[in-house]
Amino acid sequence: MMIRSIATLLSIVATATLAWAGPPFTTDDPEPVEYQHWEVYLASRSFHDKGGWSGTSPELEVNYGAIPNLQLHLIAPVTFVAPPHDSRRFGYGDTELGAKYRFVEETEFLPQIGTFPLIELPSGDRERGLGSGHAQVFLPIWLQKSFGPWTTYGGGGYWFNPGKDNHDWGFIG
């Protein structure tokens, strides 16, 4: 039993660098990209539920520090859907645009506070299941506080999801 536990621990430690993760994240922080700097990511997401598999593969995320404390944001996704009893579909999805603005700088006692409104533009083909067919808007507030070498962040907001039979929803993370 002890040998199996040690082997498991060694396997986890040896493969930890393979499990590195980065953007895209579901939650965010209020800290924008530095002024006149870029972040460019190529990522993939996948989801599975009773409706089958869906996601992006790949998606391009671009962030730019347009002015101090303001980041402009774009996600351009290639979307896929694979329902259990239907044909798989692949194509361009809904485009995400946003602007992250930090309006409170962190101090010894106060956290950073910012907002990162997003709009999902209906650029994907709704008939093929590759887009929503309407614009969705997310209005969040994000907070971040550092304590020595430790940093914590989170917040939440509200998604506006117009359209017949659609529902708006809140998000906290």
Protein backbone atom coordinates (compact mmCIF):
# COMPACT_ATOMS: atom_id res chain seq x y z
CA MET A 1 0.00 0.00 0.00
CA MET A 2 2.83 2.41 0.92
CA ILE A 3 4.64 1.72 -2.39
CA ARG A 4 1.46 2.43 -4.36
CA SER A 5 0.97 5.74 -2.48
CA ILE A 6 4.55 6.81 -3.14
CA ALA A 7 4.27 5.83 -6.82
CA THR A 8 1.04 7.83 -7.14
CA LEU A 9 2.61 10.88 -5.50
CA LEU A 10 5.68 10.66 -7.75
CA SER A 11 3.45 10.36 -10.83
CA ILE A 12 1.51 13.47 -9.86
CA VAL A 13 4.67 15.47 -9.23
CA ALA A 14 6.32 14.26 -12.46
CA THR A 15 3.31 15.21 -14.60
CA ALA A 16 2.37 18.45 -12.85
CA THR A 17 3.98 20.60 -15.55
CA LEU A 18 1.86 18.82 -18.15
CA ALA A 19 -1.29 19.98 -16.33
CA TRP A 20 -0.46 23.68 -16.66
CA ALA A 21 -3.53 25.72 -17.50
CA GLY A 22 -4.05 29.27 -18.63
CA PRO A 23 -6.66 31.47 -20.28
CA PRO A 24 -9.49 31.33 -21.10
CA PHE A 25 -10.91 31.47 -17.59
CA THR A 26 -14.53 31.49 -16.46
CA THR A 27 -13.76 34.00 -13.71
CA ASP A 28 -11.55 37.06 -14.11
CA ASP A 29 -9.61 39.68 -12.22
CA PRO A 30 -9.73 43.49 -12.45
CA GLU A 31 -6.12 43.85 -13.63
CA PRO A 32 -5.91 44.91 -17.30
CA VAL A 33 -3.02 44.24 -19.66
CA GLU A 34 -0.30 46.86 -19.22
CA TYR A 35 -0.50 49.99 -21.37
CA GLN A 36 0.62 49.32 -24.98
CA HIS A 37 1.21 45.61 -24.29
CA TRP A 38 -0.46 42.61 -25.93
CA GLU A 39 -1.63 39.19 -24.77
CA VAL A 40 -2.42 36.65 -27.48
CA TYR A 41 -3.68 33.15 -26.67
CA LEU A 42 -4.70 30.18 -28.74
CA ALA A 43 -7.00 27.99 -26.66
CA SER A 44 -9.65 25.32 -26.78
CA ARG A 45 -12.69 24.61 -24.61
CA SER A 46 -14.98 21.63 -24.54
CA PHE A 47 -18.23 20.89 -22.76
CA HIS A 48 -20.20 17.70 -22.39
CA ASP A 49 -23.79 17.27 -21.25
CA LYS A 50 -26.87 15.29 -22.26
CA GLY A 51 -26.88 17.24 -25.55
CA GLY A 52 -23.46 15.87 -26.52
CA TRP A 53 -20.13 17.63 -26.93
CA SER A 54 -19.58 21.27 -27.84
CA GLY A 55 -16.84 23.83 -27.58
CA THR A 56 -14.16 25.73 -29.44
CA SER A 57 -11.11 24.39 -31.19
CA PRO A 58 -9.27 26.62 -31.60
CA GLU A 59 -10.20 30.06 -30.37
CA LEU A 60 -7.99 33.11 -30.66
CA GLU A 61 -8.00 35.56 -27.73
CA VAL A 62 -6.35 38.97 -28.12
CA ASN A 63 -6.04 41.57 -25.35
CA TYR A 64 -4.43 45.01 -25.71
CA GLY A 65 -3.62 47.69 -23.12
CA ALA A 66 -5.15 50.65 -24.98
CA ILE A 67 -4.63 53.25 -22.24
CA PRO A 68 -3.55 52.90 -18.58
CA ASN A 69 -6.14 50.77 -16.74
CA LEU A 70 -8.07 49.90 -19.95
CA GLN A 71 -7.78 46.65 -21.88
CA LEU A 72 -9.55 45.91 -25.16
CA HIS A 73 -10.50 42.27 -25.73
CA LEU A 74 -11.48 39.95 -28.62
CA ILE A 75 -12.19 36.23 -28.83
CA ALA A 76 -12.61 34.78 -32.32
CA PRO A 77 -13.70 31.12 -31.95
CA VAL A 78 -13.97 28.16 -34.26
CA THR A 79 -16.91 26.28 -32.74
CA PHE A 80 -17.95 22.64 -32.84
CA VAL A 81 -21.05 20.72 -31.79
CA ALA A 82 -21.36 16.94 -31.69
CA PRO A 83 -24.87 15.88 -30.64
CA PRO A 84 -25.25 12.19 -29.74
CA HIS A 85 -27.76 11.38 -32.51
CA ASP A 86 -26.97 13.97 -35.20
CA SER A 87 -24.11 15.00 -37.44
CA ARG A 88 -21.14 16.94 -36.10
CA ARG A 89 -20.83 20.58 -37.13
CA PHE A 90 -17.81 22.87 -37.20
CA GLY A 91 -17.50 26.58 -38.10
CA TYR A 92 -17.02 30.11 -36.90
CA GLY A 93 -18.86 30.87 -33.63
CA ASP A 94 -20.05 33.98 -31.80
CA THR A 95 -17.41 36.72 -31.50
CA GLU A 96 -16.69 38.11 -28.03
CA LEU A 97 -15.72 41.78 -27.58
CA GLY A 98 -14.97 43.46 -24.28
CA ALA A 99 -13.26 46.26 -22.41
CA LYS A 100 -11.71 45.70 -18.98
CA TYR A 101 -11.42 48.86 -16.88
CA ARG A 102 -9.79 49.02 -13.45
CA PHE A 103 -11.25 51.95 -11.51
CA VAL A 104 -9.74 51.29 -8.05
CA GLU A 105 -6.03 50.54 -7.62
CA GLU A 106 -5.03 48.12 -4.86
CA THR A 107 -3.76 49.65 -1.61
CA GLU A 108 -2.67 48.12 1.68
CA PHE A 109 -6.31 47.97 2.75
CA LEU A 110 -8.38 48.13 -0.46
CA PRO A 111 -8.59 45.56 -3.25
CA GLN A 112 -8.30 46.39 -6.93
CA ILE A 113 -11.78 46.81 -8.39
CA GLY A 114 -12.71 46.78 -12.03
CA THR A 115 -15.33 45.86 -14.55
CA PHE A 116 -15.08 43.83 -17.76
CA PRO A 117 -18.28 44.22 -19.81
CA LEU A 118 -18.51 41.70 -22.64
CA ILE A 119 -20.76 41.39 -25.66
CA GLU A 120 -21.15 38.14 -27.56
CA LEU A 121 -21.92 39.12 -31.16
CA PRO A 122 -24.15 36.65 -33.05
CA SER A 123 -21.59 35.83 -35.74
CA GLY A 124 -22.03 32.04 -35.55
CA ASP A 125 -24.61 30.11 -37.58
CA ARG A 126 -27.53 29.55 -35.21
CA GLU A 127 -29.29 27.12 -37.57
CA ARG A 128 -26.25 24.80 -37.38
CA GLY A 129 -25.92 25.20 -33.58
CA LEU A 130 -22.73 27.27 -33.87
CA GLY A 131 -24.09 30.48 -32.36
CA SER A 132 -26.91 31.91 -30.28
CA GLY A 133 -28.51 34.02 -32.99
CA HIS A 134 -28.61 37.13 -30.81
CA ALA A 135 -26.24 39.38 -28.86
CA GLN A 136 -25.58 38.50 -25.21
CA VAL A 137 -24.14 41.01 -22.73
CA PHE A 138 -22.25 40.38 -19.48
CA LEU A 139 -21.86 43.16 -16.89
CA PRO A 140 -19.50 42.09 -14.06
CA ILE A 141 -17.52 43.57 -11.18
CA TRP A 142 -14.16 41.92 -10.33
CA LEU A 143 -12.03 42.35 -7.19
CA GLN A 144 -8.45 41.31 -6.39
CA LYS A 145 -6.36 41.52 -3.23
CA SER A 146 -2.79 40.43 -2.54
CA PHE A 147 -1.49 39.30 0.85
CA GLY A 148 2.29 38.93 0.62
CA PRO A 149 2.96 36.22 -2.00
CA TRP A 150 -0.74 35.24 -2.14
CA THR A 151 -3.35 36.77 -4.44
CA THR A 152 -7.07 36.13 -4.50
CA TYR A 153 -9.64 37.41 -6.96
CA GLY A 154 -13.24 36.93 -7.95
CA GLY A 155 -16.53 38.66 -8.37
CA GLY A 156 -19.61 38.29 -10.44
CA GLY A 157 -22.08 39.85 -12.75
CA TYR A 158 -25.21 39.43 -14.78
CA TRP A 159 -25.69 37.93 -18.25
CA PHE A 160 -28.43 39.42 -20.41
CA ASN A 161 -29.59 36.72 -22.80
CA PRO A 162 -32.42 38.05 -24.97
CA GLY A 163 -34.52 35.90 -27.25
CA LYS A 164 -37.59 33.72 -27.21
CA ASP A 165 -37.46 31.13 -24.40
CA ASN A 166 -34.07 32.44 -23.20
CA HIS A 167 -33.27 33.39 -19.63
CA ASP A 168 -30.90 35.95 -18.11
CA TRP A 169 -28.64 34.69 -15.32
CA GLY A 170 -26.24 35.79 -12.61
CA PHE A 171 -22.68 34.51 -12.27
CA ILE A 172 -20.37 34.46 -9.24
CA GLY A 173 -16.89 33.00 -9.26
